[in-house]
């Protein structure tokens, strides 16, 4: 009897948590260039965000900086290999994306047989687009985006950090010469 009450309570808790988080659905996707050698990038700098009055750009800047740091990229003003640009769109947005293989799979195989399959998105109000640009060619090599980022903001202090993390979950690559195992060992000491 006690076991069934515990099971029922656990199931109820899962349903309540799922119900609370359903209003915070954020659509996340990414696109990338097949003409890019992602293994050559090691450093970056930021391009300016359109300034806003509520410090949103600063909060997103810090979240992106953390994600790049975790991947081993060095922030530098001297000859960066990547430029990071991001923008916040407050209205609904129509966006041309692409259906592509998972970026990690493509980087590992560099299969030239893959083709871009265009897909049109109707993105909700509150879209964050993060672009990684090759500093030498000025070409966008990767773009991650999240739509509906203003949903559920009042409920979380780390909402935008979480949104940026979800965008960068789509970019599981590391900087040239960076070994995440060494980093985690050094942190563990």
N, C-alpha and C. Protein backbone atom coordinates (compact mmCIF):
# COMPACT_ATOMS: atom_id res chain seq x y z
N UNK A 1 0.83 -1.18 0.00
CA UNK A 1 0.00 0.00 0.00
C UNK A 1 0.87 1.25 0.00
N UNK A 2 1.89 1.28 0.87
CA UNK A 2 2.79 2.43 0.95
C UNK A 2 3.54 2.62 -0.37
N UNK A 3 3.89 1.51 -0.99
CA UNK A 3 4.60 1.56 -2.27
C UNK A 3 3.72 2.19 -3.34
N UNK A 4 2.44 1.85 -3.41
CA UNK A 4 1.56 2.42 -4.43
C UNK A 4 1.29 3.90 -4.17
N UNK A 5 1.25 4.31 -2.91
CA UNK A 5 1.07 5.73 -2.59
C UNK A 5 2.30 6.51 -3.04
N UNK A 6 3.49 5.95 -2.78
CA UNK A 6 4.73 6.59 -3.20
C UNK A 6 4.79 6.71 -4.73
N UNK A 7 4.43 5.64 -5.42
CA UNK A 7 4.42 5.65 -6.89
C UNK A 7 3.44 6.69 -7.41
N UNK A 8 2.25 6.75 -6.82
CA UNK A 8 1.24 7.73 -7.22
C UNK A 8 1.75 9.15 -6.98
N UNK A 9 2.37 9.40 -5.84
CA UNK A 9 2.90 10.73 -5.52
C UNK A 9 4.02 11.13 -6.48
N UNK A 10 4.89 10.20 -6.81
CA UNK A 10 5.98 10.49 -7.75
C UNK A 10 5.43 10.80 -9.13
N UNK A 11 4.43 10.04 -9.58
CA UNK A 11 3.79 10.28 -10.87
C UNK A 11 3.12 11.65 -10.89
N UNK A 12 2.43 12.00 -9.82
CA UNK A 12 1.77 13.30 -9.72
C UNK A 12 2.80 14.43 -9.77
N UNK A 13 3.92 14.26 -9.10
CA UNK A 13 4.98 15.28 -9.12
C UNK A 13 5.52 15.47 -10.53
N UNK A 14 5.74 14.40 -11.26
CA UNK A 14 6.23 14.48 -12.65
C UNK A 14 5.21 15.22 -13.52
N UNK A 15 3.94 14.94 -13.36
CA UNK A 15 2.89 15.62 -14.14
C UNK A 15 2.86 17.11 -13.81
N UNK A 16 2.98 17.46 -12.56
CA UNK A 16 2.97 18.87 -12.15
C UNK A 16 4.17 19.60 -12.74
N UNK A 17 5.35 18.99 -12.65
CA UNK A 17 6.56 19.62 -13.20
C UNK A 17 6.44 19.78 -14.71
N UNK A 18 5.94 18.77 -15.38
CA UNK A 18 5.76 18.85 -16.84
C UNK A 18 4.76 19.94 -17.20
N UNK A 19 3.71 20.07 -16.44
CA UNK A 19 2.71 21.11 -16.69
C UNK A 19 3.27 22.50 -16.50
N UNK A 20 4.10 22.68 -15.48
CA UNK A 20 4.71 24.00 -15.22
C UNK A 20 5.70 24.37 -16.30
N UNK A 21 6.43 23.41 -16.82
CA UNK A 21 7.44 23.73 -17.81
C UNK A 21 6.88 23.83 -19.22
N UNK A 22 5.65 23.38 -19.46
CA UNK A 22 5.10 23.41 -20.82
C UNK A 22 4.90 24.82 -21.32
N UNK A 23 4.68 25.78 -20.44
CA UNK A 23 4.52 27.17 -20.86
C UNK A 23 5.84 27.82 -21.22
N UNK A 24 6.96 27.14 -20.98
CA UNK A 24 8.27 27.71 -21.23
C UNK A 24 8.96 27.05 -22.41
N UNK A 25 8.20 26.50 -23.33
CA UNK A 25 8.78 25.85 -24.48
C UNK A 25 9.51 26.87 -25.34
N UNK A 26 10.75 26.57 -25.63
CA UNK A 26 11.57 27.41 -26.49
C UNK A 26 12.03 26.52 -27.64
N UNK A 27 11.77 26.96 -28.86
CA UNK A 27 12.20 26.24 -30.05
C UNK A 27 13.66 26.57 -30.32
N UNK A 28 14.52 25.57 -30.46
CA UNK A 28 15.95 25.78 -30.70
C UNK A 28 16.38 24.98 -31.93
N UNK A 29 17.16 25.62 -32.78
CA UNK A 29 17.66 24.97 -34.00
C UNK A 29 18.97 25.61 -34.40
N UNK A 30 19.65 25.04 -35.39
CA UNK A 30 20.91 25.60 -35.90
C UNK A 30 21.11 25.26 -37.37
N UNK A 31 21.98 26.02 -38.01
CA UNK A 31 22.40 25.77 -39.39
C UNK A 31 23.92 25.97 -39.43
N UNK A 32 24.56 25.36 -40.41
CA UNK A 32 26.00 25.54 -40.54
C UNK A 32 26.43 25.38 -41.99
N UNK A 33 27.64 25.83 -42.28
CA UNK A 33 28.18 25.79 -43.63
C UNK A 33 28.99 24.52 -43.84
N UNK A 34 28.75 23.86 -44.97
CA UNK A 34 29.52 22.66 -45.31
C UNK A 34 30.92 23.03 -45.82
N UNK A 35 31.16 24.28 -46.08
CA UNK A 35 32.45 24.71 -46.61
C UNK A 35 33.40 25.16 -45.51
N UNK A 36 33.17 24.71 -44.31
CA UNK A 36 33.93 25.18 -43.15
C UNK A 36 34.73 24.05 -42.52
N UNK A 37 35.97 24.36 -42.15
CA UNK A 37 36.75 23.42 -41.36
C UNK A 37 36.66 23.88 -39.91
N UNK A 38 35.70 23.39 -39.19
CA UNK A 38 35.45 23.81 -37.81
C UNK A 38 36.60 23.48 -36.87
N UNK A 39 37.49 22.60 -37.29
CA UNK A 39 38.61 22.19 -36.45
C UNK A 39 39.70 23.25 -36.39
N UNK A 40 39.62 24.30 -37.22
CA UNK A 40 40.66 25.33 -37.27
C UNK A 40 40.41 26.51 -36.34
N UNK A 41 39.27 26.58 -35.70
CA UNK A 41 38.93 27.76 -34.89
C UNK A 41 39.41 27.60 -33.45
N UNK A 42 40.01 28.68 -32.92
CA UNK A 42 40.54 28.61 -31.56
C UNK A 42 40.25 29.85 -30.73
N UNK A 43 39.89 30.96 -31.36
CA UNK A 43 39.68 32.20 -30.62
C UNK A 43 38.51 32.97 -31.21
N UNK A 44 38.05 33.97 -30.48
CA UNK A 44 36.89 34.73 -30.94
C UNK A 44 36.89 36.12 -30.31
N UNK A 45 36.07 36.97 -30.89
CA UNK A 45 35.74 38.25 -30.30
C UNK A 45 34.28 38.52 -30.61
N UNK A 46 33.70 39.45 -29.89
CA UNK A 46 32.29 39.78 -30.08
C UNK A 46 32.13 40.97 -31.01
N UNK A 47 31.09 40.93 -31.80
CA UNK A 47 30.62 42.12 -32.49
C UNK A 47 29.57 42.75 -31.58
N UNK A 48 29.28 43.99 -31.75
CA UNK A 48 28.35 44.69 -30.85
C UNK A 48 26.92 44.19 -31.01
N UNK A 49 26.25 44.03 -29.90
CA UNK A 49 24.81 43.75 -29.89
C UNK A 49 24.09 45.08 -29.94
N UNK A 50 22.96 45.08 -30.59
CA UNK A 50 22.14 46.29 -30.56
C UNK A 50 21.78 46.55 -29.11
N UNK A 51 22.16 47.69 -28.60
CA UNK A 51 21.97 47.99 -27.18
C UNK A 51 20.50 48.12 -26.82
N UNK A 52 20.18 47.65 -25.64
CA UNK A 52 18.82 47.75 -25.14
C UNK A 52 18.85 48.36 -23.74
N UNK A 53 17.70 48.67 -23.22
CA UNK A 53 17.64 49.38 -21.94
C UNK A 53 17.51 48.45 -20.73
N UNK A 54 17.34 47.17 -20.95
CA UNK A 54 17.12 46.28 -19.80
C UNK A 54 18.26 45.29 -19.57
N UNK A 55 19.44 45.59 -20.05
CA UNK A 55 20.65 44.77 -19.84
C UNK A 55 20.55 43.36 -20.43
N UNK A 56 19.63 43.13 -21.32
CA UNK A 56 19.48 41.82 -21.93
C UNK A 56 20.72 41.45 -22.75
N UNK A 57 21.26 42.40 -23.51
CA UNK A 57 22.47 42.12 -24.29
C UNK A 57 23.63 41.70 -23.40
N UNK A 58 23.78 42.36 -22.27
CA UNK A 58 24.87 42.04 -21.34
C UNK A 58 24.69 40.63 -20.78
N UNK A 59 23.48 40.29 -20.41
CA UNK A 59 23.21 38.96 -19.86
C UNK A 59 23.49 37.87 -20.89
N UNK A 60 23.07 38.10 -22.12
CA UNK A 60 23.29 37.12 -23.19
C UNK A 60 24.77 37.07 -23.56
N UNK A 61 25.43 38.21 -23.60
CA UNK A 61 26.88 38.27 -23.85
C UNK A 61 27.62 37.37 -22.87
N UNK A 62 27.32 37.51 -21.58
CA UNK A 62 27.99 36.71 -20.55
C UNK A 62 27.70 35.22 -20.72
N UNK A 63 26.47 34.89 -21.08
CA UNK A 63 26.11 33.48 -21.28
C UNK A 63 26.85 32.89 -22.48
N UNK A 64 26.95 33.65 -23.56
CA UNK A 64 27.69 33.19 -24.75
C UNK A 64 29.17 33.04 -24.40
N UNK A 65 29.73 34.02 -23.69
CA UNK A 65 31.14 33.97 -23.30
C UNK A 65 31.43 32.69 -22.51
N UNK A 66 30.53 32.35 -21.59
CA UNK A 66 30.70 31.12 -20.80
C UNK A 66 30.69 29.89 -21.69
N UNK A 67 29.76 29.85 -22.64
CA UNK A 67 29.66 28.68 -23.52
C UNK A 67 30.90 28.54 -24.41
N UNK A 68 31.42 29.65 -24.90
CA UNK A 68 32.64 29.60 -25.72
C UNK A 68 33.83 29.17 -24.86
N UNK A 69 33.90 29.66 -23.63
CA UNK A 69 34.99 29.30 -22.73
C UNK A 69 34.97 27.80 -22.42
N UNK A 70 33.79 27.26 -22.16
CA UNK A 70 33.66 25.84 -21.86
C UNK A 70 34.14 24.99 -23.03
N UNK A 71 34.03 25.50 -24.23
CA UNK A 71 34.46 24.79 -25.44
C UNK A 71 35.92 25.07 -25.78
N UNK A 72 36.61 25.84 -24.93
CA UNK A 72 38.04 26.06 -25.11
C UNK A 72 38.42 27.24 -25.98
N UNK A 73 37.47 28.04 -26.43
CA UNK A 73 37.77 29.19 -27.27
C UNK A 73 38.28 30.33 -26.40
N UNK A 74 39.28 31.03 -26.89
CA UNK A 74 39.89 32.15 -26.17
C UNK A 74 39.31 33.46 -26.69
N UNK A 75 38.88 34.31 -25.78
CA UNK A 75 38.38 35.65 -26.11
C UNK A 75 39.59 36.56 -26.32
N UNK A 76 39.70 37.16 -27.51
CA UNK A 76 40.83 38.01 -27.82
C UNK A 76 40.44 39.06 -28.85
N UNK A 77 41.07 40.20 -28.77
CA UNK A 77 40.88 41.25 -29.77
C UNK A 77 41.95 41.15 -30.86
N UNK A 78 42.99 40.36 -30.61
CA UNK A 78 44.11 40.21 -31.53
C UNK A 78 43.90 39.01 -32.45
N UNK A 79 43.56 39.25 -33.68
CA UNK A 79 43.43 38.21 -34.72
C UNK A 79 42.58 37.01 -34.29
N UNK A 80 41.34 37.22 -33.91
CA UNK A 80 40.48 36.07 -33.57
C UNK A 80 40.16 35.27 -34.84
N UNK A 81 39.87 34.01 -34.67
CA UNK A 81 39.50 33.19 -35.81
C UNK A 81 37.99 33.20 -36.05
N UNK A 82 37.22 33.55 -35.02
CA UNK A 82 35.77 33.64 -35.12
C UNK A 82 35.29 35.00 -34.60
N UNK A 83 34.22 35.49 -35.20
CA UNK A 83 33.50 36.64 -34.69
C UNK A 83 32.16 36.14 -34.21
N UNK A 84 31.72 36.61 -33.05
CA UNK A 84 30.43 36.20 -32.51
C UNK A 84 29.48 37.39 -32.61
N UNK A 85 28.36 37.16 -33.26
CA UNK A 85 27.34 38.18 -33.39
C UNK A 85 26.04 37.60 -32.87
N UNK A 86 25.25 38.42 -32.21
CA UNK A 86 23.95 37.94 -31.75
C UNK A 86 22.96 39.09 -31.81
N UNK A 87 21.71 38.71 -32.02
CA UNK A 87 20.65 39.70 -32.10
C UNK A 87 19.38 39.16 -31.47
N UNK A 88 18.60 40.08 -30.95
CA UNK A 88 17.34 39.74 -30.31
C UNK A 88 16.22 40.36 -31.14
N UNK A 89 15.28 39.55 -31.56
CA UNK A 89 14.16 40.02 -32.36
C UNK A 89 12.90 39.93 -31.52
N UNK A 90 12.24 41.04 -31.35
CA UNK A 90 11.11 41.12 -30.43
C UNK A 90 9.78 40.73 -31.06
N UNK A 91 9.67 40.76 -32.38
CA UNK A 91 8.43 40.43 -33.07
C UNK A 91 8.52 39.03 -33.67
N UNK A 92 7.40 38.54 -34.20
CA UNK A 92 7.40 37.28 -34.93
C UNK A 92 8.37 37.42 -36.10
N UNK A 93 8.92 36.30 -36.53
CA UNK A 93 9.96 36.34 -37.54
C UNK A 93 9.80 35.15 -38.47
N UNK A 94 9.90 35.41 -39.75
CA UNK A 94 9.96 34.30 -40.72
C UNK A 94 11.43 34.07 -41.02
N UNK A 95 11.83 32.81 -40.96
CA UNK A 95 13.25 32.50 -41.05
C UNK A 95 13.48 31.32 -41.99
N UNK A 96 14.49 31.44 -42.85
CA UNK A 96 14.87 30.37 -43.76
C UNK A 96 16.00 29.58 -43.10
N UNK A 97 15.69 28.37 -42.66
CA UNK A 97 16.69 27.50 -42.08
C UNK A 97 16.99 26.34 -43.01
N UNK A 98 17.73 25.37 -42.51
CA UNK A 98 18.10 24.22 -43.33
C UNK A 98 18.03 22.95 -42.51
N UNK A 99 17.55 21.89 -43.13
CA UNK A 99 17.55 20.56 -42.54
C UNK A 99 18.91 19.97 -42.88
N UNK A 100 19.70 19.67 -41.86
CA UNK A 100 21.06 19.18 -42.05
C UNK A 100 21.36 18.06 -41.06
N UNK A 101 22.41 17.29 -41.36
CA UNK A 101 22.84 16.29 -40.38
C UNK A 101 23.34 17.00 -39.11
N UNK A 102 23.36 16.30 -38.02
CA UNK A 102 23.91 16.83 -36.77
C UNK A 102 25.34 17.28 -37.06
N UNK A 103 25.69 18.48 -36.61
CA UNK A 103 26.98 19.07 -36.97
C UNK A 103 28.17 18.19 -36.57
N UNK A 104 28.11 17.56 -35.42
CA UNK A 104 29.21 16.70 -34.98
C UNK A 104 29.43 15.56 -35.96
N UNK A 105 28.35 14.97 -36.46
CA UNK A 105 28.46 13.89 -37.45
C UNK A 105 29.10 14.39 -38.73
N UNK A 106 28.68 15.58 -39.18
CA UNK A 106 29.24 16.12 -40.41
C UNK A 106 30.73 16.45 -40.24
N UNK A 107 31.11 17.07 -39.12
CA UNK A 107 32.51 17.43 -38.88
C UNK A 107 33.38 16.16 -38.86
N UNK A 108 32.87 15.09 -38.27
CA UNK A 108 33.63 13.84 -38.20
C UNK A 108 33.81 13.20 -39.57
N UNK A 109 32.81 13.31 -40.45
CA UNK A 109 32.87 12.64 -41.75
C UNK A 109 33.23 13.58 -42.90
N UNK A 110 32.85 14.86 -42.78
CA UNK A 110 33.00 15.85 -43.86
C UNK A 110 32.54 15.27 -45.20
N UNK A 111 31.41 14.62 -45.17
CA UNK A 111 30.82 14.00 -46.35
C UNK A 111 30.30 15.07 -47.30
N UNK A 112 30.90 15.16 -48.48
CA UNK A 112 30.49 16.16 -49.47
C UNK A 112 29.14 15.85 -50.11
N UNK A 113 28.60 14.67 -49.84
CA UNK A 113 27.33 14.29 -50.43
C UNK A 113 26.11 14.93 -49.77
N UNK A 114 26.29 15.56 -48.62
CA UNK A 114 25.16 16.20 -47.95
C UNK A 114 24.73 17.44 -48.70
N UNK A 115 23.45 17.67 -48.76
CA UNK A 115 22.90 18.85 -49.43
C UNK A 115 22.09 19.65 -48.42
N UNK A 116 22.00 20.95 -48.69
CA UNK A 116 21.15 21.81 -47.87
C UNK A 116 19.70 21.56 -48.25
N UNK A 117 18.87 21.28 -47.29
CA UNK A 117 17.44 21.12 -47.50
C UNK A 117 16.76 22.30 -46.83
N UNK A 118 16.31 23.29 -47.61
CA UNK A 118 15.69 24.48 -47.01
C UNK A 118 14.42 24.14 -46.25
N UNK A 119 14.23 24.85 -45.16
CA UNK A 119 13.02 24.70 -44.37
C UNK A 119 12.64 26.09 -43.86
N UNK A 120 11.37 26.43 -43.96
CA UNK A 120 10.91 27.75 -43.54
C UNK A 120 10.30 27.65 -42.15
N UNK A 121 10.71 28.58 -41.28
CA UNK A 121 10.21 28.62 -39.91
C UNK A 121 9.43 29.91 -39.69
N UNK A 122 8.37 29.80 -38.94
CA UNK A 122 7.67 30.97 -38.41
C UNK A 122 8.02 31.02 -36.94
N UNK A 123 8.96 31.88 -36.59
CA UNK A 123 9.47 31.94 -35.23
C UNK A 123 8.63 32.89 -34.39
N UNK A 124 8.39 32.50 -33.14
CA UNK A 124 7.57 33.29 -32.22
C UNK A 124 8.28 34.57 -31.80
N UNK A 125 7.52 35.44 -31.19
CA UNK A 125 8.08 36.66 -30.61
C UNK A 125 9.20 36.29 -29.65
N UNK A 126 10.25 37.08 -29.70
CA UNK A 126 11.38 36.82 -28.82
C UNK A 126 12.28 35.75 -29.39
N UNK A 127 13.05 36.10 -30.41
CA UNK A 127 13.98 35.15 -31.02
C UNK A 127 15.40 35.66 -30.81
N UNK A 128 16.27 34.80 -30.34
CA UNK A 128 17.69 35.09 -30.19
C UNK A 128 18.42 34.31 -31.27
N UNK A 129 19.23 35.03 -32.07
CA UNK A 129 20.04 34.39 -33.10
C UNK A 129 21.50 34.66 -32.77
N UNK A 130 22.29 33.59 -32.68
CA UNK A 130 23.72 33.68 -32.42
C UNK A 130 24.44 33.18 -33.66
N UNK A 131 25.33 34.00 -34.20
CA UNK A 131 26.08 33.64 -35.40
C UNK A 131 27.56 33.57 -35.10
N UNK A 132 28.21 32.52 -35.59
CA UNK A 132 29.66 32.41 -35.56
C UNK A 132 30.14 32.69 -36.98
N UNK A 133 31.02 33.66 -37.11
CA UNK A 133 31.47 34.16 -38.42
C UNK A 133 32.96 33.92 -38.54
N UNK A 134 33.39 33.37 -39.67
CA UNK A 134 34.81 33.20 -39.93
C UNK A 134 35.44 34.58 -40.04
N UNK A 135 36.40 34.89 -39.20
CA UNK A 135 36.98 36.23 -39.15
C UNK A 135 37.75 36.59 -40.42
N UNK A 136 38.28 35.61 -41.10
CA UNK A 136 39.06 35.88 -42.31
C UNK A 136 38.16 36.14 -43.52
N UNK A 137 37.11 35.34 -43.67
CA UNK A 137 36.25 35.46 -44.86
C UNK A 137 34.98 36.28 -44.62
N UNK A 138 34.66 36.57 -43.36
CA UNK A 138 33.43 37.27 -42.98
C UNK A 138 32.17 36.49 -43.37
N UNK A 139 32.27 35.18 -43.47
CA UNK A 139 31.14 34.32 -43.81
C UNK A 139 30.60 33.66 -42.54
N UNK A 140 29.28 33.62 -42.42
CA UNK A 140 28.66 32.92 -41.29
C UNK A 140 28.91 31.43 -41.49
N UNK A 141 29.49 30.79 -40.47
CA UNK A 141 29.79 29.35 -40.56
C UNK A 141 28.83 28.53 -39.72
N UNK A 142 28.23 29.15 -38.70
CA UNK A 142 27.26 28.46 -37.85
C UNK A 142 26.30 29.49 -37.29
N UNK A 143 25.04 29.11 -37.22
CA UNK A 143 24.03 30.00 -36.63
C UNK A 143 23.08 29.15 -35.80
N UNK A 144 22.93 29.54 -34.54
CA UNK A 144 21.98 28.89 -33.64
C UNK A 144 20.91 29.88 -33.26
N UNK A 145 19.69 29.41 -33.10
CA UNK A 145 18.61 30.33 -32.78
C UNK A 145 17.59 29.66 -31.87
N UNK A 146 17.00 30.52 -31.05
CA UNK A 146 15.96 30.09 -30.11
C UNK A 146 14.79 31.04 -30.24
N UNK A 147 13.61 30.49 -30.35
CA UNK A 147 12.39 31.28 -30.53
C UNK A 147 11.50 31.11 -29.31
N UNK A 148 10.84 32.20 -28.93
CA UNK A 148 9.96 32.16 -27.76
C UNK A 148 10.72 32.37 -26.47
N UNK A 149 11.82 33.13 -26.52
CA UNK A 149 12.67 33.26 -25.34
C UNK A 149 12.07 34.12 -24.24
N UNK A 150 11.01 34.88 -24.53
CA UNK A 150 10.41 35.72 -23.50
C UNK A 150 9.35 34.99 -22.69
N UNK A 151 9.02 33.77 -23.08
CA UNK A 151 8.04 32.97 -22.33
C UNK A 151 8.67 32.49 -21.03
N UNK A 152 8.01 32.69 -19.93
CA UNK A 152 8.45 32.16 -18.64
C UNK A 152 9.61 32.91 -18.01
N UNK A 153 9.96 34.09 -18.52
CA UNK A 153 11.10 34.83 -17.99
C UNK A 153 10.91 35.20 -16.53
N UNK A 154 9.71 35.56 -16.14
CA UNK A 154 9.49 36.01 -14.76
C UNK A 154 9.70 34.91 -13.73
N UNK A 155 9.79 33.66 -14.18
CA UNK A 155 9.92 32.54 -13.25
C UNK A 155 11.35 32.09 -13.01
N UNK A 156 12.33 32.70 -13.69
CA UNK A 156 13.68 32.16 -13.57
C UNK A 156 14.73 33.26 -13.65
N UNK A 157 15.67 33.22 -12.72
CA UNK A 157 16.79 34.16 -12.75
C UNK A 157 17.80 33.80 -13.83
N UNK A 158 17.88 32.54 -14.20
CA UNK A 158 18.86 32.07 -15.18
C UNK A 158 18.23 31.70 -16.51
N UNK A 159 17.09 32.27 -16.82
CA UNK A 159 16.36 31.89 -18.03
C UNK A 159 17.20 32.09 -19.29
N UNK A 160 17.79 33.27 -19.47
CA UNK A 160 18.55 33.53 -20.70
C UNK A 160 19.83 32.71 -20.75
N UNK A 161 20.44 32.46 -19.62
CA UNK A 161 21.62 31.59 -19.59
C UNK A 161 21.23 30.19 -20.08
N UNK A 162 20.07 29.73 -19.65
CA UNK A 162 19.59 28.43 -20.07
C UNK A 162 19.27 28.40 -21.57
N UNK A 163 18.69 29.47 -22.08
CA UNK A 163 18.38 29.55 -23.52
C UNK A 163 19.67 29.50 -24.33
N UNK A 164 20.67 30.27 -23.92
CA UNK A 164 21.96 30.28 -24.63
C UNK A 164 22.61 28.90 -24.54
N UNK A 165 22.54 28.27 -23.39
CA UNK A 165 23.10 26.92 -23.26
C UNK A 165 22.41 25.95 -24.22
N UNK A 166 21.09 26.06 -24.34
CA UNK A 166 20.35 25.18 -25.26
C UNK A 166 20.75 25.44 -26.71
N UNK A 167 21.01 26.70 -27.05
CA UNK A 167 21.49 27.01 -28.40
C UNK A 167 22.85 26.35 -28.61
N UNK A 168 23.76 26.52 -27.66
CA UNK A 168 25.11 25.97 -27.80
C UNK A 168 25.16 24.46 -27.62
N UNK A 169 24.12 23.85 -27.10
CA UNK A 169 24.04 22.39 -27.11
C UNK A 169 24.03 21.89 -28.55
N UNK A 170 23.62 22.74 -29.47
CA UNK A 170 23.60 22.42 -30.90
C UNK A 170 25.00 22.55 -31.52
N UNK A 171 25.96 23.07 -30.76
CA UNK A 171 27.34 23.27 -31.23
C UNK A 171 28.30 22.52 -30.30
N UNK A 172 28.37 21.19 -30.44
CA UNK A 172 29.17 20.39 -29.52
C UNK A 172 30.65 20.29 -29.91
N UNK A 173 31.17 21.33 -30.54
CA UNK A 173 32.55 21.32 -31.03
C UNK A 173 33.46 22.08 -30.07
N UNK A 174 34.75 21.75 -30.12
CA UNK A 174 35.73 22.39 -29.24
C UNK A 174 36.76 23.14 -30.07
N UNK A 175 37.44 24.07 -29.42
CA UNK A 175 38.47 24.86 -30.07
C UNK A 175 39.64 23.98 -30.49
N UNK A 176 40.33 24.44 -31.51
CA UNK A 176 41.52 23.74 -32.01
C UNK A 176 42.52 23.57 -30.86
N UNK A 177 42.98 22.33 -30.67
CA UNK A 177 43.97 22.05 -29.65
C UNK A 177 43.42 21.91 -28.24
N UNK A 178 42.12 22.04 -28.08
CA UNK A 178 41.52 21.97 -26.75
C UNK A 178 41.06 20.55 -26.46
N UNK A 179 41.43 20.05 -25.30
CA UNK A 179 41.01 18.72 -24.86
C UNK A 179 40.13 18.87 -23.62
N UNK A 180 38.82 18.67 -23.76
CA UNK A 180 37.93 18.87 -22.61
C UNK A 180 38.23 17.94 -21.45
N UNK A 181 38.86 16.81 -21.70
CA UNK A 181 39.20 15.88 -20.60
C UNK A 181 40.26 16.50 -19.71
N UNK A 182 41.24 17.21 -20.30
CA UNK A 182 42.27 17.87 -19.49
C UNK A 182 41.64 18.97 -18.65
N UNK A 183 40.69 19.70 -19.25
CA UNK A 183 40.04 20.78 -18.52
C UNK A 183 39.27 20.25 -17.32
N UNK A 184 38.50 19.17 -17.53
CA UNK A 184 37.71 18.62 -16.43
C UNK A 184 38.60 18.02 -15.35
N UNK A 185 39.76 17.46 -15.74
CA UNK A 185 40.70 16.93 -14.74
C UNK A 185 41.29 18.07 -13.90
N UNK A 186 41.63 19.19 -14.56
CA UNK A 186 42.21 20.34 -13.85
C UNK A 186 41.19 20.95 -12.90
N UNK A 187 39.92 21.00 -13.32
CA UNK A 187 38.88 21.55 -12.48
C UNK A 187 38.64 20.65 -11.27
N UNK A 188 38.75 19.34 -11.46
CA UNK A 188 38.50 18.38 -10.40
C UNK A 188 39.57 18.35 -9.32
N UNK A 189 40.72 18.93 -9.59
CA UNK A 189 41.82 18.91 -8.61
C UNK A 189 41.62 19.88 -7.50
